[in-house]
Amino acid sequence: MTSAGDSDRTGASTTLFEAVGGEPTFRRLVDEFYAGVATDPLLRPMYPDDLAPAADRMTLFLMQYWGGPNTYSAQRGHPRLRMRHAPFRIGAAERDAWLRHMRHAVDQLDLEPEVASALWDYLERAAYFMVNAMEDPADGA
C-alpha cells in the first residue's frame, strides 16, 4: 500500500483510497466522526448548524489525499488546512476531542491493521498540526 501517487518496489500501485474500499469507506468514516462532533460540547459550537457541508468537504479532502478523485481541489483549490482553520481556536482540548471522535470513527471501519495504522498516523499528525492556541498558564494547563 502506498500514499497517493507512489508505487511500491514491484511497480504496482495501491493507494490507501483503494485499500480501504474507496469512497463508501471514507463516507462512513466521516459520518461516524461527525456523529460524535454533533454531540460534543467543545467541538459542536465551532461548526454551523448544518454539519453536512463540513462533512462533505472532509470526505472529499481525505479521499483526494489518499489517492482518490481530486474533487476537493477542483471545487476548493489547494487545501490550505491551517489557513482554513485559523479562525477557530484550536488548543490541546479541541485537538484531543477531535482525535477522540476520529479514533472511534477509524475503529468502526474494521480496517486491516497496516491500513488503519497509516490512516491514523496521518490523522493524528494533522490534528497536532492544526493546534493554533497555546494553553494560558493562568488556566493551570
N, C-alpha and C. Protein backbone atom coordinates (compact mmCIF):
# COMPACT_ATOMS: atom_id res chain seq x y z
N MET A 1 0.85 -1.17 0.00
CA MET A 1 0.00 0.00 0.00
C MET A 1 0.89 1.23 0.00
N THR A 2 0.50 2.21 -0.77
CA THR A 2 1.28 3.43 -0.86
C THR A 2 0.38 4.64 -0.71
N SER A 3 1.01 5.78 -0.49
CA SER A 3 0.24 7.02 -0.48
C SER A 3 -0.06 7.41 -1.91
N ALA A 4 -0.85 8.41 -2.09
CA ALA A 4 -1.27 8.83 -3.42
C ALA A 4 -0.07 9.09 -4.31
N GLY A 5 -0.08 8.46 -5.48
CA GLY A 5 0.94 8.72 -6.48
C GLY A 5 2.23 7.94 -6.31
N ASP A 6 2.43 7.22 -5.22
CA ASP A 6 3.63 6.44 -5.01
C ASP A 6 3.41 5.02 -5.53
N SER A 7 4.48 4.32 -5.77
CA SER A 7 4.35 2.92 -6.14
C SER A 7 5.34 2.11 -5.32
N ASP A 8 5.02 0.84 -5.12
CA ASP A 8 5.92 0.01 -4.33
C ASP A 8 7.03 -0.54 -5.22
N ARG A 9 7.90 -1.39 -4.65
CA ARG A 9 9.07 -1.89 -5.38
C ARG A 9 8.70 -2.73 -6.58
N THR A 10 7.54 -3.33 -6.61
CA THR A 10 7.15 -4.17 -7.74
C THR A 10 6.57 -3.35 -8.89
N GLY A 11 6.39 -2.08 -8.68
CA GLY A 11 5.81 -1.24 -9.72
C GLY A 11 4.30 -1.14 -9.61
N ALA A 12 3.69 -1.99 -8.78
CA ALA A 12 2.25 -1.91 -8.60
C ALA A 12 1.94 -0.73 -7.69
N SER A 13 0.78 -0.18 -7.85
CA SER A 13 0.41 0.96 -7.02
C SER A 13 -0.97 0.71 -6.43
N THR A 14 -1.02 0.64 -5.13
CA THR A 14 -2.30 0.54 -4.44
C THR A 14 -2.34 1.67 -3.44
N THR A 15 -3.25 2.59 -3.65
CA THR A 15 -3.38 3.71 -2.73
C THR A 15 -4.20 3.28 -1.52
N LEU A 16 -4.10 4.05 -0.46
CA LEU A 16 -4.93 3.78 0.70
C LEU A 16 -6.40 3.93 0.32
N PHE A 17 -6.70 4.87 -0.55
CA PHE A 17 -8.07 5.05 -1.03
C PHE A 17 -8.61 3.72 -1.57
N GLU A 18 -7.82 3.04 -2.38
CA GLU A 18 -8.23 1.74 -2.92
C GLU A 18 -8.25 0.66 -1.84
N ALA A 19 -7.24 0.67 -0.97
CA ALA A 19 -7.11 -0.37 0.05
C ALA A 19 -8.28 -0.39 1.03
N VAL A 20 -8.87 0.78 1.31
CA VAL A 20 -9.98 0.82 2.26
C VAL A 20 -11.33 0.57 1.60
N GLY A 21 -11.37 0.55 0.28
CA GLY A 21 -12.64 0.33 -0.39
C GLY A 21 -13.23 1.58 -1.01
N GLY A 22 -12.42 2.63 -1.11
CA GLY A 22 -12.85 3.83 -1.83
C GLY A 22 -13.82 4.72 -1.08
N GLU A 23 -14.60 5.44 -1.85
CA GLU A 23 -15.48 6.47 -1.31
C GLU A 23 -16.43 6.00 -0.22
N PRO A 24 -17.08 4.83 -0.36
CA PRO A 24 -18.01 4.42 0.71
C PRO A 24 -17.35 4.35 2.08
N THR A 25 -16.11 3.91 2.14
CA THR A 25 -15.42 3.80 3.43
C THR A 25 -15.12 5.19 3.99
N PHE A 26 -14.67 6.10 3.14
CA PHE A 26 -14.40 7.46 3.63
C PHE A 26 -15.69 8.15 4.07
N ARG A 27 -16.77 7.89 3.39
CA ARG A 27 -18.06 8.47 3.82
C ARG A 27 -18.47 7.91 5.18
N ARG A 28 -18.28 6.61 5.39
CA ARG A 28 -18.60 6.02 6.70
C ARG A 28 -17.73 6.61 7.79
N LEU A 29 -16.43 6.76 7.50
CA LEU A 29 -15.50 7.35 8.47
C LEU A 29 -15.97 8.73 8.89
N VAL A 30 -16.25 9.57 7.91
CA VAL A 30 -16.61 10.96 8.21
C VAL A 30 -17.99 11.04 8.85
N ASP A 31 -18.92 10.23 8.41
CA ASP A 31 -20.25 10.22 9.04
C ASP A 31 -20.16 9.84 10.51
N GLU A 32 -19.36 8.83 10.81
CA GLU A 32 -19.19 8.40 12.20
C GLU A 32 -18.51 9.49 13.01
N PHE A 33 -17.50 10.12 12.43
CA PHE A 33 -16.80 11.21 13.10
C PHE A 33 -17.77 12.35 13.43
N TYR A 34 -18.55 12.79 12.46
CA TYR A 34 -19.45 13.91 12.70
C TYR A 34 -20.62 13.55 13.60
N ALA A 35 -20.96 12.28 13.72
CA ALA A 35 -21.97 11.89 14.70
C ALA A 35 -21.46 12.20 16.11
N GLY A 36 -20.17 12.02 16.32
CA GLY A 36 -19.58 12.38 17.61
C GLY A 36 -19.48 13.88 17.80
N VAL A 37 -19.07 14.58 16.76
CA VAL A 37 -18.95 16.04 16.83
C VAL A 37 -20.30 16.67 17.15
N ALA A 38 -21.36 16.10 16.59
CA ALA A 38 -22.71 16.67 16.75
C ALA A 38 -23.13 16.78 18.21
N THR A 39 -22.58 15.94 19.06
CA THR A 39 -22.97 15.97 20.48
C THR A 39 -21.83 16.41 21.40
N ASP A 40 -20.74 16.86 20.83
CA ASP A 40 -19.58 17.24 21.63
C ASP A 40 -19.71 18.70 22.08
N PRO A 41 -19.72 18.96 23.39
CA PRO A 41 -19.91 20.33 23.87
C PRO A 41 -18.77 21.28 23.53
N LEU A 42 -17.59 20.77 23.29
CA LEU A 42 -16.45 21.61 22.95
C LEU A 42 -16.36 21.88 21.45
N LEU A 43 -16.57 20.84 20.65
CA LEU A 43 -16.40 20.98 19.20
C LEU A 43 -17.65 21.50 18.48
N ARG A 44 -18.82 21.13 18.95
CA ARG A 44 -20.04 21.48 18.21
C ARG A 44 -20.19 22.98 17.96
N PRO A 45 -19.87 23.84 18.93
CA PRO A 45 -20.02 25.28 18.69
C PRO A 45 -19.10 25.83 17.58
N MET A 46 -18.11 25.07 17.18
CA MET A 46 -17.19 25.53 16.13
C MET A 46 -17.78 25.37 14.73
N TYR A 47 -18.90 24.68 14.64
CA TYR A 47 -19.49 24.36 13.34
C TYR A 47 -20.83 25.08 13.16
N PRO A 48 -21.22 25.29 11.90
CA PRO A 48 -22.55 25.84 11.65
C PRO A 48 -23.63 24.81 12.00
N ASP A 49 -24.88 25.25 12.02
CA ASP A 49 -25.98 24.35 12.36
C ASP A 49 -25.98 23.08 11.51
N ASP A 50 -25.77 23.24 10.23
CA ASP A 50 -25.78 22.11 9.30
C ASP A 50 -24.37 21.56 9.15
N LEU A 51 -24.14 20.37 9.65
CA LEU A 51 -22.83 19.74 9.58
C LEU A 51 -22.54 19.12 8.21
N ALA A 52 -23.55 18.95 7.38
CA ALA A 52 -23.38 18.24 6.11
C ALA A 52 -22.32 18.86 5.20
N PRO A 53 -22.29 20.17 5.01
CA PRO A 53 -21.24 20.72 4.13
C PRO A 53 -19.82 20.47 4.66
N ALA A 54 -19.62 20.59 5.96
CA ALA A 54 -18.30 20.32 6.54
C ALA A 54 -17.94 18.84 6.35
N ALA A 55 -18.90 17.96 6.55
CA ALA A 55 -18.66 16.53 6.37
C ALA A 55 -18.31 16.22 4.93
N ASP A 56 -18.99 16.84 4.00
CA ASP A 56 -18.69 16.60 2.59
C ASP A 56 -17.28 17.09 2.24
N ARG A 57 -16.92 18.26 2.73
CA ARG A 57 -15.57 18.78 2.45
C ARG A 57 -14.50 17.85 3.03
N MET A 58 -14.69 17.39 4.26
CA MET A 58 -13.71 16.49 4.86
C MET A 58 -13.60 15.19 4.08
N THR A 59 -14.74 14.66 3.66
CA THR A 59 -14.73 13.42 2.88
C THR A 59 -13.95 13.61 1.59
N LEU A 60 -14.26 14.67 0.86
CA LEU A 60 -13.57 14.92 -0.41
C LEU A 60 -12.08 15.13 -0.19
N PHE A 61 -11.71 15.86 0.86
CA PHE A 61 -10.30 16.09 1.15
C PHE A 61 -9.59 14.77 1.43
N LEU A 62 -10.14 13.96 2.33
CA LEU A 62 -9.49 12.70 2.69
C LEU A 62 -9.39 11.76 1.50
N MET A 63 -10.43 11.70 0.71
CA MET A 63 -10.38 10.83 -0.48
C MET A 63 -9.25 11.29 -1.41
N GLN A 64 -9.15 12.57 -1.64
CA GLN A 64 -8.11 13.09 -2.53
C GLN A 64 -6.73 12.84 -1.94
N TYR A 65 -6.56 13.13 -0.66
CA TYR A 65 -5.26 12.96 -0.01
C TYR A 65 -4.76 11.53 -0.16
N TRP A 66 -5.66 10.57 -0.04
CA TRP A 66 -5.29 9.16 -0.06
C TRP A 66 -5.36 8.52 -1.43
N GLY A 67 -5.45 9.33 -2.50
CA GLY A 67 -5.33 8.77 -3.84
C GLY A 67 -6.62 8.66 -4.61
N GLY A 68 -7.70 9.20 -4.10
CA GLY A 68 -8.98 9.18 -4.81
C GLY A 68 -9.11 10.37 -5.75
N PRO A 69 -10.31 10.63 -6.21
CA PRO A 69 -10.52 11.73 -7.16
C PRO A 69 -10.11 13.08 -6.57
N ASN A 70 -9.73 14.01 -7.44
CA ASN A 70 -9.28 15.33 -6.99
C ASN A 70 -10.42 16.34 -6.92
N THR A 71 -11.58 15.87 -6.58
CA THR A 71 -12.77 16.72 -6.50
C THR A 71 -12.59 17.87 -5.51
N TYR A 72 -11.94 17.59 -4.38
CA TYR A 72 -11.74 18.65 -3.38
C TYR A 72 -11.01 19.84 -4.00
N SER A 73 -9.88 19.60 -4.62
CA SER A 73 -9.10 20.69 -5.22
C SER A 73 -9.83 21.34 -6.38
N ALA A 74 -10.56 20.56 -7.15
CA ALA A 74 -11.31 21.12 -8.27
C ALA A 74 -12.38 22.10 -7.77
N GLN A 75 -12.97 21.80 -6.61
CA GLN A 75 -14.02 22.66 -6.07
C GLN A 75 -13.48 23.78 -5.19
N ARG A 76 -12.41 23.51 -4.45
CA ARG A 76 -11.97 24.47 -3.42
C ARG A 76 -10.55 24.96 -3.57
N GLY A 77 -9.80 24.44 -4.53
CA GLY A 77 -8.41 24.83 -4.67
C GLY A 77 -7.53 24.08 -3.69
N HIS A 78 -6.32 24.58 -3.48
CA HIS A 78 -5.36 23.95 -2.58
C HIS A 78 -5.99 23.83 -1.19
N PRO A 79 -5.77 22.72 -0.49
CA PRO A 79 -6.41 22.53 0.81
C PRO A 79 -6.13 23.63 1.84
N ARG A 80 -4.91 24.12 1.96
CA ARG A 80 -4.58 25.19 2.92
C ARG A 80 -5.27 24.94 4.27
N LEU A 81 -5.10 23.76 4.80
CA LEU A 81 -5.82 23.36 6.01
C LEU A 81 -5.60 24.31 7.19
N ARG A 82 -4.36 24.66 7.42
CA ARG A 82 -4.10 25.52 8.58
C ARG A 82 -4.76 26.89 8.41
N MET A 83 -4.69 27.44 7.22
CA MET A 83 -5.32 28.74 6.96
C MET A 83 -6.85 28.65 7.12
N ARG A 84 -7.43 27.59 6.61
CA ARG A 84 -8.89 27.44 6.69
C ARG A 84 -9.36 27.26 8.13
N HIS A 85 -8.51 26.75 8.98
CA HIS A 85 -8.88 26.54 10.38
C HIS A 85 -8.43 27.67 11.30
N ALA A 86 -7.70 28.63 10.77
CA ALA A 86 -7.16 29.73 11.57
C ALA A 86 -8.22 30.52 12.35
N PRO A 87 -9.44 30.72 11.81
CA PRO A 87 -10.43 31.48 12.58
C PRO A 87 -10.90 30.80 13.87
N PHE A 88 -10.58 29.53 14.03
CA PHE A 88 -11.05 28.77 15.18
C PHE A 88 -9.91 28.57 16.18
N ARG A 89 -10.24 28.72 17.46
CA ARG A 89 -9.24 28.45 18.49
C ARG A 89 -9.13 26.94 18.64
N ILE A 90 -7.94 26.44 18.35
CA ILE A 90 -7.70 25.00 18.46
C ILE A 90 -6.52 24.81 19.40
N GLY A 91 -6.86 24.42 20.60
CA GLY A 91 -5.85 24.12 21.61
C GLY A 91 -5.79 22.62 21.85
N ALA A 92 -5.11 22.23 22.90
CA ALA A 92 -4.96 20.81 23.21
C ALA A 92 -6.30 20.14 23.47
N ALA A 93 -7.20 20.81 24.14
CA ALA A 93 -8.51 20.21 24.45
C ALA A 93 -9.30 19.95 23.18
N GLU A 94 -9.30 20.91 22.26
CA GLU A 94 -10.03 20.74 20.99
C GLU A 94 -9.38 19.64 20.16
N ARG A 95 -8.06 19.65 20.11
CA ARG A 95 -7.33 18.59 19.38
C ARG A 95 -7.68 17.23 19.94
N ASP A 96 -7.65 17.09 21.26
CA ASP A 96 -7.91 15.80 21.88
C ASP A 96 -9.35 15.35 21.67
N ALA A 97 -10.30 16.28 21.69
CA ALA A 97 -11.70 15.93 21.42
C ALA A 97 -11.84 15.46 19.97
N TRP A 98 -11.20 16.16 19.05
CA TRP A 98 -11.24 15.78 17.64
C TRP A 98 -10.66 14.39 17.46
N LEU A 99 -9.52 14.15 18.08
CA LEU A 99 -8.88 12.83 17.97
C LEU A 99 -9.73 11.73 18.59
N ARG A 100 -10.40 12.02 19.70
CA ARG A 100 -11.26 11.01 20.34
C ARG A 100 -12.37 10.56 19.39
N HIS A 101 -13.02 11.52 18.73
CA HIS A 101 -14.10 11.16 17.79
C HIS A 101 -13.54 10.48 16.54
N MET A 102 -12.38 10.94 16.09
CA MET A 102 -11.80 10.32 14.90
C MET A 102 -11.30 8.91 15.21
N ARG A 103 -10.74 8.70 16.40
CA ARG A 103 -10.29 7.35 16.78
C ARG A 103 -11.47 6.38 16.77
N HIS A 104 -12.59 6.83 17.35
CA HIS A 104 -13.79 6.00 17.35
C HIS A 104 -14.22 5.69 15.91
N ALA A 105 -14.21 6.70 15.06
CA ALA A 105 -14.64 6.52 13.67
C ALA A 105 -13.73 5.54 12.93
N VAL A 106 -12.42 5.68 13.09
CA VAL A 106 -11.48 4.76 12.44
C VAL A 106 -11.71 3.34 12.94
N ASP A 107 -11.90 3.19 14.24
CA ASP A 107 -12.11 1.85 14.81
C ASP A 107 -13.38 1.19 14.27
N GLN A 108 -14.38 1.97 13.93
CA GLN A 108 -15.63 1.42 13.42
C GLN A 108 -15.47 0.83 12.01
N LEU A 109 -14.41 1.19 11.31
CA LEU A 109 -14.21 0.72 9.94
C LEU A 109 -13.69 -0.70 9.87
N ASP A 110 -13.10 -1.21 10.95
CA ASP A 110 -12.56 -2.57 10.98
C ASP A 110 -11.60 -2.81 9.81
N LEU A 111 -10.62 -1.91 9.68
CA LEU A 111 -9.64 -2.00 8.60
C LEU A 111 -8.52 -2.96 8.96
N GLU A 112 -7.78 -3.40 7.94
CA GLU A 112 -6.57 -4.17 8.18
C GLU A 112 -5.64 -3.32 9.05
N PRO A 113 -4.92 -3.92 9.98
CA PRO A 113 -4.08 -3.14 10.90
C PRO A 113 -3.11 -2.18 10.21
N GLU A 114 -2.45 -2.62 9.14
CA GLU A 114 -1.49 -1.76 8.44
C GLU A 114 -2.18 -0.53 7.84
N VAL A 115 -3.35 -0.74 7.30
CA VAL A 115 -4.12 0.35 6.68
C VAL A 115 -4.63 1.31 7.76
N ALA A 116 -5.18 0.74 8.83
CA ALA A 116 -5.69 1.56 9.92
C ALA A 116 -4.56 2.38 10.54
N SER A 117 -3.39 1.80 10.68
CA SER A 117 -2.25 2.50 11.26
C SER A 117 -1.80 3.66 10.37
N ALA A 118 -1.74 3.44 9.07
CA ALA A 118 -1.34 4.52 8.15
C ALA A 118 -2.35 5.66 8.20
N LEU A 119 -3.62 5.33 8.19
CA LEU A 119 -4.66 6.35 8.25
C LEU A 119 -4.59 7.11 9.58
N TRP A 120 -4.49 6.37 10.68
CA TRP A 120 -4.45 7.01 11.99
C TRP A 120 -3.22 7.89 12.16
N ASP A 121 -2.07 7.42 11.71
CA ASP A 121 -0.85 8.22 11.83
C ASP A 121 -1.03 9.58 11.16
N TYR A 122 -1.61 9.59 9.97
CA TYR A 122 -1.84 10.86 9.29
C TYR A 122 -2.82 11.73 10.08
N LEU A 123 -3.93 11.16 10.50
CA LEU A 123 -4.95 11.93 11.21
C LEU A 123 -4.40 12.52 12.50
N GLU A 124 -3.60 11.76 13.19
CA GLU A 124 -3.01 12.26 14.43
C GLU A 124 -2.04 13.41 14.15
N ARG A 125 -1.18 13.25 13.15
CA ARG A 125 -0.25 14.33 12.79
C ARG A 125 -1.03 15.58 12.37
N ALA A 126 -2.08 15.40 11.58
CA ALA A 126 -2.88 16.54 11.13
C ALA A 126 -3.51 17.27 12.31
N ALA A 127 -4.01 16.52 13.27
CA ALA A 127 -4.64 17.14 14.44
C ALA A 127 -3.64 17.97 15.23
N TYR A 128 -2.45 17.47 15.40
CA TYR A 128 -1.43 18.23 16.12
C TYR A 128 -1.00 19.47 15.32
N PHE A 129 -0.95 19.34 14.01
CA PHE A 129 -0.57 20.45 13.14
C PHE A 129 -1.59 21.59 13.20
N MET A 130 -2.84 21.28 13.44
CA MET A 130 -3.89 22.29 13.44
C MET A 130 -3.92 23.13 14.72
N VAL A 131 -3.25 22.69 15.76
CA VAL A 131 -3.25 23.46 17.01
C VAL A 131 -2.68 24.84 16.74
N ASN A 132 -3.45 25.85 17.13
CA ASN A 132 -3.04 27.24 16.88
C ASN A 132 -3.14 28.11 18.14
N ALA A 133 -3.41 27.48 19.26
CA ALA A 133 -3.55 28.23 20.52
C ALA A 133 -2.85 27.48 21.63
N MET A 134 -1.92 28.15 22.25
CA MET A 134 -1.24 27.56 23.40
C MET A 134 -2.13 27.77 24.62
N GLU A 135 -2.04 26.85 25.55
CA GLU A 135 -2.85 26.97 26.77
C GLU A 135 -2.34 28.15 27.58
N ASP A 136 -3.24 28.86 28.19
CA ASP A 136 -2.90 30.01 29.04
C ASP A 136 -2.40 29.47 30.37
N PRO A 137 -1.16 29.82 30.77
CA PRO A 137 -0.64 29.33 32.05
C PRO A 137 -1.54 29.67 33.23
N ALA A 138 -2.31 30.75 33.12
CA ALA A 138 -3.24 31.14 34.19
C ALA A 138 -4.37 30.13 34.34
N ASP A 139 -4.61 29.34 33.28
CA ASP A 139 -5.66 28.33 33.32
C ASP A 139 -5.20 27.06 34.04
N GLY A 140 -3.93 27.00 34.38
CA GLY A 140 -3.40 25.83 35.06
C GLY A 140 -3.04 24.71 34.12
N ALA A 141 -3.02 24.99 32.82
CA ALA A 141 -2.69 23.95 31.85
C ALA A 141 -1.20 23.78 31.73
